Amino acid sequence: MRKILIIVMIVAIFVAFYEQNKTQPNVIITVISVVVFMFGMMKLSSKIPPKENEDDNKEI
């Protein structure tokens, strides 16, 4: 699942950059590509544990 999500995100950013290089870029395609990329980043970053632990908040 993670590998597929990374591939989809790379394709979405490639499409967004390719669309911007055209003489008449389609804004809807660019927005959809950026939304897909941001959604993928959200899904990937949700699996990263937080940096702060409960033990770090306790004072000695």
N, C-alpha and C. Protein backbone atom coordinates (compact mmCIF):
# COMPACT_ATOMS: atom_id res chain seq x y z
N MET A 1 0.82 -1.20 0.00
CA MET A 1 0.00 0.00 0.00
C MET A 1 0.86 1.26 0.00
N ARG A 2 1.92 1.23 0.80
CA ARG A 2 2.79 2.41 0.91
C ARG A 2 3.50 2.69 -0.41
N LYS A 3 3.98 1.63 -1.07
CA LYS A 3 4.68 1.81 -2.34
C LYS A 3 3.76 2.35 -3.42
N ILE A 4 2.53 1.87 -3.43
CA ILE A 4 1.56 2.35 -4.42
C ILE A 4 1.25 3.81 -4.18
N LEU A 5 1.12 4.19 -2.91
CA LEU A 5 0.82 5.57 -2.57
C LEU A 5 1.96 6.51 -2.98
N ILE A 6 3.19 6.07 -2.80
CA ILE A 6 4.34 6.89 -3.20
C ILE A 6 4.37 7.06 -4.71
N ILE A 7 4.09 6.00 -5.45
CA ILE A 7 4.07 6.08 -6.91
C ILE A 7 2.97 7.02 -7.39
N VAL A 8 1.79 6.94 -6.78
CA VAL A 8 0.68 7.83 -7.16
C VAL A 8 1.06 9.28 -6.88
N MET A 9 1.73 9.54 -5.77
CA MET A 9 2.14 10.90 -5.43
C MET A 9 3.16 11.43 -6.43
N ILE A 10 4.11 10.61 -6.83
CA ILE A 10 5.11 11.03 -7.80
C ILE A 10 4.45 11.35 -9.14
N VAL A 11 3.52 10.52 -9.56
CA VAL A 11 2.81 10.76 -10.82
C VAL A 11 2.00 12.05 -10.73
N ALA A 12 1.35 12.30 -9.59
CA ALA A 12 0.54 13.51 -9.44
C ALA A 12 1.41 14.76 -9.54
N ILE A 13 2.56 14.76 -8.90
CA ILE A 13 3.44 15.93 -8.97
C ILE A 13 4.00 16.09 -10.38
N PHE A 14 4.34 14.98 -11.03
CA PHE A 14 4.81 15.06 -12.41
C PHE A 14 3.75 15.68 -13.32
N VAL A 15 2.50 15.27 -13.15
CA VAL A 15 1.41 15.81 -13.95
C VAL A 15 1.24 17.30 -13.67
N ALA A 16 1.34 17.70 -12.41
CA ALA A 16 1.18 19.12 -12.06
C ALA A 16 2.29 19.96 -12.69
N PHE A 17 3.55 19.49 -12.61
CA PHE A 17 4.65 20.23 -13.22
C PHE A 17 4.54 20.24 -14.75
N TYR A 18 4.14 19.13 -15.34
CA TYR A 18 3.99 19.06 -16.79
C TYR A 18 2.90 20.02 -17.26
N GLU A 19 1.83 20.07 -16.50
CA GLU A 19 0.72 20.95 -16.87
C GLU A 19 1.13 22.42 -16.79
N GLN A 20 1.98 22.77 -15.87
CA GLN A 20 2.42 24.16 -15.74
C GLN A 20 3.35 24.58 -16.87
N ASN A 21 4.00 23.64 -17.53
CA ASN A 21 4.92 23.97 -18.62
C ASN A 21 4.21 24.19 -19.95
N LYS A 22 2.92 23.91 -20.02
CA LYS A 22 2.16 24.14 -21.25
C LYS A 22 1.92 25.64 -21.43
N THR A 23 1.60 26.01 -22.67
CA THR A 23 1.31 27.42 -22.93
C THR A 23 -0.03 27.83 -22.31
N GLN A 24 -1.00 26.93 -22.29
CA GLN A 24 -2.30 27.17 -21.66
C GLN A 24 -2.54 26.09 -20.60
N PRO A 25 -1.97 26.25 -19.40
CA PRO A 25 -2.15 25.20 -18.39
C PRO A 25 -3.59 25.13 -17.89
N ASN A 26 -4.06 23.92 -17.68
CA ASN A 26 -5.40 23.70 -17.15
C ASN A 26 -5.32 23.73 -15.62
N VAL A 27 -5.97 24.70 -15.03
CA VAL A 27 -5.89 24.90 -13.58
C VAL A 27 -6.54 23.75 -12.83
N ILE A 28 -7.60 23.20 -13.37
CA ILE A 28 -8.31 22.12 -12.68
C ILE A 28 -7.42 20.89 -12.55
N ILE A 29 -6.70 20.54 -13.60
CA ILE A 29 -5.79 19.38 -13.55
C ILE A 29 -4.67 19.63 -12.55
N THR A 30 -4.15 20.85 -12.52
CA THR A 30 -3.09 21.18 -11.57
C THR A 30 -3.59 21.09 -10.13
N VAL A 31 -4.78 21.61 -9.88
CA VAL A 31 -5.34 21.58 -8.52
C VAL A 31 -5.61 20.15 -8.09
N ILE A 32 -6.16 19.34 -8.97
CA ILE A 32 -6.43 17.94 -8.63
C ILE A 32 -5.13 17.21 -8.34
N SER A 33 -4.09 17.48 -9.10
CA SER A 33 -2.79 16.83 -8.86
C SER A 33 -2.21 17.23 -7.51
N VAL A 34 -2.32 18.50 -7.16
CA VAL A 34 -1.80 18.95 -5.88
C VAL A 34 -2.62 18.37 -4.73
N VAL A 35 -3.93 18.27 -4.89
CA VAL A 35 -4.77 17.68 -3.85
C VAL A 35 -4.43 16.21 -3.66
N VAL A 36 -4.21 15.47 -4.74
CA VAL A 36 -3.82 14.06 -4.63
C VAL A 36 -2.49 13.94 -3.90
N PHE A 37 -1.55 14.82 -4.23
CA PHE A 37 -0.25 14.79 -3.56
C PHE A 37 -0.39 15.09 -2.07
N MET A 38 -1.16 16.11 -1.72
CA MET A 38 -1.34 16.47 -0.31
C MET A 38 -2.07 15.37 0.47
N PHE A 39 -3.05 14.74 -0.16
CA PHE A 39 -3.75 13.63 0.49
C PHE A 39 -2.80 12.47 0.74
N GLY A 40 -1.94 12.19 -0.24
CA GLY A 40 -0.95 11.13 -0.07
C GLY A 40 0.05 11.44 1.03
N MET A 41 0.48 12.70 1.12
CA MET A 41 1.39 13.09 2.20
C MET A 41 0.72 12.95 3.56
N MET A 42 -0.56 13.28 3.62
CA MET A 42 -1.30 13.15 4.87
C MET A 42 -1.38 11.68 5.30
N LYS A 43 -1.66 10.80 4.35
CA LYS A 43 -1.76 9.38 4.66
C LYS A 43 -0.41 8.81 5.08
N LEU A 44 0.67 9.23 4.41
CA LEU A 44 1.99 8.72 4.77
C LEU A 44 2.47 9.27 6.11
N SER A 45 2.22 10.52 6.38
CA SER A 45 2.70 11.11 7.63
C SER A 45 1.88 10.68 8.83
N SER A 46 0.69 10.15 8.63
CA SER A 46 -0.11 9.70 9.77
C SER A 46 0.48 8.45 10.42
N LYS A 47 1.33 7.74 9.71
CA LYS A 47 1.94 6.53 10.24
C LYS A 47 3.23 6.80 10.99
N ILE A 48 3.71 8.03 10.97
CA ILE A 48 4.93 8.39 11.68
C ILE A 48 4.57 8.72 13.12
N PRO A 49 5.20 8.08 14.09
CA PRO A 49 4.86 8.37 15.48
C PRO A 49 5.32 9.77 15.88
N PRO A 50 4.66 10.36 16.86
CA PRO A 50 5.07 11.70 17.31
C PRO A 50 6.45 11.66 17.97
N LYS A 51 7.13 12.78 17.89
CA LYS A 51 8.49 12.84 18.42
C LYS A 51 8.49 12.89 19.95
N GLU A 52 7.52 13.58 20.53
CA GLU A 52 7.48 13.73 21.97
C GLU A 52 6.85 12.51 22.62
N ASN A 53 7.44 12.06 23.69
CA ASN A 53 6.91 10.95 24.48
C ASN A 53 6.39 11.51 25.80
N GLU A 54 5.60 10.71 26.50
CA GLU A 54 5.12 11.15 27.81
C GLU A 54 6.27 11.28 28.80
N ASP A 55 7.30 10.48 28.64
CA ASP A 55 8.44 10.53 29.54
C ASP A 55 9.22 11.83 29.39
N ASP A 56 9.19 12.43 28.22
CA ASP A 56 9.92 13.68 27.98
C ASP A 56 9.28 14.85 28.72
N ASN A 57 7.96 14.77 28.97
CA ASN A 57 7.27 15.88 29.60
C ASN A 57 7.45 15.90 31.11
N LYS A 58 7.87 14.79 31.70
CA LYS A 58 8.06 14.73 33.15
C LYS A 58 9.38 15.39 33.52
N GLU A 59 9.31 16.20 34.56
CA GLU A 59 10.52 16.86 35.05
C GLU A 59 11.17 16.00 36.11
N ILE A 60 12.46 16.14 36.23
CA ILE A 60 13.22 15.36 37.22
C ILE A 60 13.07 15.99 38.58
